[in-house]
Amino acid sequence: MKERRELPPEEADGIIEGRNAVTEALRAGTSIDKVYLAKGETSSALGFIASTARSRGIVVAEADRRKLDAMSRTHAHQGVIALAAVREYADIPDMLSAAAARGEPPLLVVCDELSDPHNLGAVIRTAECAGAHGVIIPKRRSAGLTAIVAKTSAGAVSHMPVARVSNLPACLKELKKQGLWIFGTDAAGERLLYEADLKGPAAIVIGSEGSGMGRLVSETCDFLVRIPMRGKLNSLNASAAAAILLYEAVRQRS
């Protein structure tokens, strides 16, 4: 029997380094979240990587050498590092179909620019435990399905569909057309969480760690709900807020 090859640490962590390695990953159709290119550096190899990645809808970002050096495991990144996704992204229609097949009103979680992979992993884990039908994230300014997210989710990424969209407000508008009510979390929300009706088709929007929901996302929501805060702080960690809202939905749907 052929002995299984152990992945080198950089591949096991979802980090692919070097021009040849990234080029071959793109040619092989590897699911890639993001490609970082050294700022100001030009070559035909890097140009090919950038154009190929963009043609596949992969986010390509410039980064200075110090950032690439800090990310690198091999210390031979040659000006390019790719972050591989641990699984393929899902389609939103499949999430809605799964809810219908289970005879349940859809319950989705929308993460507006959660850049911390630990937070995203925790949200995915809670969504899976609460029986949600899917998680939606934006392509840009968000953590993707990296190895860190997978580890933090405690394996939930293997069971919870995650979709990635280019335009979050447009996505929310489409969900409205599909009959979902959009509930955004905001400290200045007009109603308490416990006054919201989460028994029907719903999408819960969780804002970013620092600034909360973006203006366009907030304006697209049907309702802005707030979590009661009794202490001296006025906000919760994004994954904690998601857990509170999801389990209020579980309570109401029970």
Protein backbone atom coordinates (compact mmCIF):
# COMPACT_ATOMS: atom_id res chain seq x y z
CA MET A 1 0.00 0.00 0.00
CA LYS A 2 1.28 3.43 -0.91
CA GLU A 3 2.44 5.35 2.14
CA ARG A 4 0.57 8.60 2.72
CA ARG A 5 2.75 11.68 2.26
CA GLU A 6 2.80 14.06 5.20
CA LEU A 7 2.08 17.60 4.13
CA PRO A 8 4.83 20.12 4.84
CA PRO A 9 3.83 22.63 7.55
CA GLU A 10 3.24 25.45 5.09
CA GLU A 11 0.73 23.39 3.08
CA ALA A 12 -0.90 21.93 6.18
CA ASP A 13 -1.48 25.47 7.41
CA GLY A 14 -3.06 26.41 4.09
CA ILE A 15 -0.13 28.65 3.12
CA ILE A 16 1.34 28.10 -0.34
CA GLU A 17 4.60 29.93 -1.00
CA GLY A 18 6.76 30.60 -4.02
CA ARG A 19 6.04 31.27 -7.67
CA ASN A 20 6.10 27.67 -8.86
CA ALA A 21 4.03 26.35 -5.96
CA VAL A 22 1.32 29.01 -6.34
CA THR A 23 1.26 28.65 -10.13
CA GLU A 24 0.81 24.87 -9.87
CA ALA A 25 -1.91 25.28 -7.23
CA LEU A 26 -3.82 27.60 -9.58
CA ARG A 27 -3.36 25.20 -12.52
CA ALA A 28 -4.56 22.29 -10.39
CA GLY A 29 -7.75 24.16 -9.46
CA THR A 30 -6.92 24.33 -5.76
CA SER A 31 -9.52 26.35 -3.87
CA ILE A 32 -7.66 29.53 -2.91
CA ASP A 33 -8.96 32.33 -0.70
CA LYS A 34 -6.44 35.05 -1.41
CA VAL A 35 -3.14 35.73 -3.14
CA TYR A 36 -0.63 38.21 -1.70
CA LEU A 37 1.93 39.74 -4.07
CA ALA A 38 4.97 41.78 -3.08
CA LYS A 39 4.21 45.47 -3.51
CA GLY A 40 6.08 47.14 -6.37
CA GLU A 41 7.56 43.91 -7.71
CA THR A 42 6.87 43.02 -11.34
CA SER A 43 7.74 39.91 -13.32
CA SER A 44 6.05 37.74 -15.93
CA ALA A 45 5.57 34.96 -13.36
CA LEU A 46 3.86 37.25 -10.85
CA GLY A 47 1.81 38.81 -13.63
CA PHE A 48 0.60 35.36 -14.71
CA ILE A 49 -0.31 34.46 -11.13
CA ALA A 50 -2.25 37.72 -10.66
CA SER A 51 -4.19 37.44 -13.92
CA THR A 52 -4.98 33.74 -13.42
CA ALA A 53 -6.16 34.31 -9.85
CA ARG A 54 -8.37 37.26 -10.80
CA SER A 55 -9.91 35.29 -13.68
CA ARG A 56 -10.98 32.70 -11.11
CA GLY A 57 -12.50 35.34 -8.83
CA ILE A 58 -9.71 35.09 -6.26
CA VAL A 59 -8.85 38.23 -4.33
CA VAL A 60 -5.36 39.50 -5.18
CA ALA A 61 -3.76 41.97 -2.77
CA GLU A 62 -0.43 43.75 -2.62
CA ALA A 63 1.59 43.42 0.56
CA ASP A 64 4.92 44.82 1.62
CA ARG A 65 7.88 42.50 2.05
CA ARG A 66 7.69 42.64 5.85
CA LYS A 67 4.18 41.22 5.85
CA LEU A 68 5.13 38.44 3.44
CA ASP A 69 8.22 37.65 5.53
CA ALA A 70 6.07 37.43 8.66
CA MET A 71 3.58 35.09 6.94
CA SER A 72 6.26 32.90 5.40
CA ARG A 73 7.09 29.46 6.79
CA THR A 74 9.80 28.64 4.27
CA HIS A 75 11.49 32.09 4.16
CA ALA A 76 11.60 31.66 0.38
CA HIS A 77 8.25 33.08 -0.74
CA GLN A 78 9.69 34.80 -3.87
CA GLY A 79 7.22 37.65 -3.53
CA VAL A 80 4.01 35.58 -3.54
CA ILE A 81 1.96 33.75 -0.91
CA ALA A 82 -1.45 32.16 -1.43
CA LEU A 83 -3.91 31.15 1.28
CA ALA A 84 -5.70 27.95 0.38
CA ALA A 85 -9.29 27.32 1.45
CA VAL A 86 -9.92 24.14 3.44
CA ARG A 87 -13.08 23.39 1.44
CA GLU A 88 -15.09 24.66 -1.51
CA TYR A 89 -17.52 27.51 -0.95
CA ALA A 90 -21.24 26.80 -1.10
CA ASP A 91 -24.03 28.42 -3.10
CA ILE A 92 -26.80 30.33 -1.33
CA PRO A 93 -29.61 28.63 -3.32
CA ASP A 94 -28.32 25.29 -1.98
CA MET A 95 -28.62 26.62 1.57
CA LEU A 96 -32.24 27.61 0.97
CA SER A 97 -32.96 24.25 -0.65
CA ALA A 98 -31.48 22.45 2.36
CA ALA A 99 -33.78 24.40 4.69
CA ALA A 100 -36.79 23.48 2.53
CA ALA A 101 -35.75 19.82 2.50
CA ARG A 102 -35.68 19.85 6.30
CA GLY A 103 -39.08 21.55 6.43
CA GLU A 104 -37.61 24.54 8.27
CA PRO A 105 -37.69 28.29 7.62
CA PRO A 106 -34.21 29.36 6.48
CA LEU A 107 -31.84 30.68 9.14
CA LEU A 108 -28.65 32.22 7.76
CA VAL A 109 -25.78 34.11 9.38
CA VAL A 110 -24.20 36.96 7.43
CA CYS A 111 -20.76 38.16 8.58
CA ASP A 112 -19.98 41.72 7.52
CA GLU A 113 -16.18 41.90 7.20
CA LEU A 114 -15.09 39.69 10.09
CA SER A 115 -11.34 39.89 9.56
CA ASP A 116 -10.33 37.81 12.60
CA PRO A 117 -10.24 34.12 11.56
CA HIS A 118 -10.80 33.04 15.17
CA ASN A 119 -14.05 35.01 15.28
CA LEU A 120 -15.23 33.59 11.96
CA GLY A 121 -14.39 30.07 13.08
CA ALA A 122 -16.33 30.57 16.31
CA VAL A 123 -19.35 31.92 14.39
CA ILE A 124 -19.33 28.92 12.05
CA ARG A 125 -19.13 26.55 15.02
CA THR A 126 -22.07 28.22 16.77
CA ALA A 127 -24.10 28.34 13.55
CA GLU A 128 -23.63 24.60 13.08
CA CYS A 129 -24.56 23.84 16.69
CA ALA A 130 -27.67 26.03 16.45
CA GLY A 131 -28.86 24.30 13.28
CA ALA A 132 -28.45 27.28 10.94
CA HIS A 133 -28.53 26.52 7.24
CA GLY A 134 -25.52 28.55 6.14
CA VAL A 135 -23.03 31.34 6.71
CA ILE A 136 -22.35 34.12 4.19
CA ILE A 137 -19.16 36.18 4.05
CA PRO A 138 -17.89 38.88 1.66
CA LYS A 139 -14.94 38.25 -0.65
CA ARG A 140 -12.99 41.28 0.49
CA ARG A 141 -12.00 42.51 3.94
CA SER A 142 -13.00 39.21 5.51
CA ALA A 143 -11.30 36.09 6.77
CA GLY A 144 -11.87 33.10 4.49
CA LEU A 145 -12.02 29.36 5.05
CA THR A 146 -8.40 29.03 6.06
CA ALA A 147 -6.82 26.39 8.27
CA ILE A 148 -7.05 28.71 11.30
CA VAL A 149 -10.79 29.16 10.74
CA ALA A 150 -11.22 25.40 10.37
CA LYS A 151 -9.34 24.72 13.60
CA THR A 152 -11.26 27.35 15.56
CA SER A 153 -14.55 25.97 14.26
CA ALA A 154 -13.69 22.57 15.80
CA GLY A 155 -14.51 20.86 12.53
CA ALA A 156 -17.79 22.70 11.91
CA VAL A 157 -16.55 23.89 8.49
CA SER A 158 -16.98 20.30 7.30
CA HIS A 159 -20.70 20.49 8.02
CA MET A 160 -21.73 24.14 7.75
CA PRO A 161 -22.06 25.55 4.20
CA VAL A 162 -20.24 28.86 3.78
CA ALA A 163 -20.90 31.09 0.77
CA ARG A 164 -18.73 34.00 -0.34
CA VAL A 165 -20.23 36.94 -2.24
CA SER A 166 -18.81 39.99 -4.01
CA ASN A 167 -21.48 42.45 -2.90
CA LEU A 168 -23.09 41.97 0.51
CA PRO A 169 -25.88 44.61 0.20
CA ALA A 170 -26.91 43.11 -3.17
CA CYS A 171 -26.90 39.66 -1.58
CA LEU A 172 -29.17 40.85 1.24
CA LYS A 173 -31.59 42.38 -1.28
CA GLU A 174 -31.73 39.05 -3.12
CA LEU A 175 -32.42 37.24 0.15
CA LYS A 176 -35.32 39.62 0.75
CA LYS A 177 -36.74 38.62 -2.64
CA GLN A 178 -36.51 35.01 -1.45
CA GLY A 179 -38.72 35.90 1.52
CA LEU A 180 -36.11 36.28 4.26
CA TRP A 181 -36.23 39.05 6.86
CA ILE A 182 -32.86 40.69 7.50
CA PHE A 183 -31.94 41.36 11.15
CA GLY A 184 -28.85 43.48 11.76
CA THR A 185 -27.12 43.75 15.12
CA ASP A 186 -26.50 47.31 16.29
CA ALA A 187 -25.97 48.83 19.73
CA ALA A 188 -28.36 51.61 18.68
CA GLY A 189 -30.98 49.22 17.26
CA GLU A 190 -34.59 50.32 17.46
CA ARG A 191 -35.74 47.18 19.24
CA LEU A 192 -34.40 44.69 21.74
CA LEU A 193 -33.36 41.30 20.43
CA TYR A 194 -36.14 39.66 22.45
CA GLU A 195 -38.76 41.76 20.65
CA ALA A 196 -37.66 40.45 17.24
CA ASP A 197 -39.62 37.64 15.58
CA LEU A 198 -37.00 35.11 14.48
CA LYS A 199 -39.40 32.23 13.90
CA GLY A 200 -39.76 32.89 10.16
CA PRO A 201 -37.19 32.94 7.33
CA ALA A 202 -34.34 35.07 8.66
CA ALA A 203 -30.80 36.22 8.03
CA ILE A 204 -28.84 37.54 11.02
CA VAL A 205 -26.13 40.08 10.16
CA ILE A 206 -23.09 40.30 12.44
CA GLY A 207 -20.90 43.39 12.07
CA SER A 208 -17.12 43.57 12.05
CA GLU A 209 -15.03 43.48 15.22
CA GLY A 210 -14.17 47.19 15.16
CA SER A 211 -16.79 49.25 13.37
CA GLY A 212 -19.83 46.98 13.22
CA MET A 213 -21.95 46.81 10.10
CA GLY A 214 -21.12 48.96 7.10
CA ARG A 215 -23.54 51.76 6.22
CA LEU A 216 -24.97 50.12 3.09
CA VAL A 217 -25.37 46.78 4.85
CA SER A 218 -27.09 48.46 7.79
CA GLU A 219 -29.46 50.38 5.50
CA THR A 220 -30.42 47.16 3.74
CA CYS A 221 -31.53 45.44 6.95
CA ASP A 222 -35.26 45.21 7.71
CA PHE A 223 -34.66 45.52 11.44
CA LEU A 224 -31.80 46.64 13.66
CA VAL A 225 -31.81 44.82 16.98
CA ARG A 226 -29.73 45.41 20.08
CA ILE A 227 -28.54 43.07 22.80
CA PRO A 228 -29.18 44.35 26.35
CA MET A 229 -25.93 45.59 27.88
CA ARG A 230 -25.95 45.91 31.67
CA GLY A 231 -22.24 46.40 32.32
CA LYS A 232 -19.84 49.25 31.68
CA LEU A 233 -18.85 48.07 28.18
CA ASN A 234 -21.16 48.73 25.25
CA SER A 235 -20.31 45.90 22.87
CA LEU A 236 -19.70 42.16 22.68
CA ASN A 237 -17.26 40.08 20.70
CA ALA A 238 -18.74 39.35 17.26
CA SER A 239 -18.90 35.60 17.83
CA ALA A 240 -20.56 36.09 21.24
CA ALA A 241 -23.19 38.35 19.67
CA ALA A 242 -23.84 35.75 16.98
CA ALA A 243 -24.31 33.05 19.62
CA ILE A 244 -26.86 35.14 21.53
CA LEU A 245 -28.93 35.88 18.43
CA LEU A 246 -28.75 32.35 17.06
CA TYR A 247 -29.90 30.78 20.29
CA GLU A 248 -32.71 33.28 20.66
CA ALA A 249 -33.81 32.05 17.22
CA VAL A 250 -33.48 28.44 18.46
CA ARG A 251 -35.60 29.28 21.52
CA GLN A 252 -38.32 30.91 19.45
CA ARG A 253 -38.37 28.12 16.88
CA SER A 254 -38.67 25.46 19.59
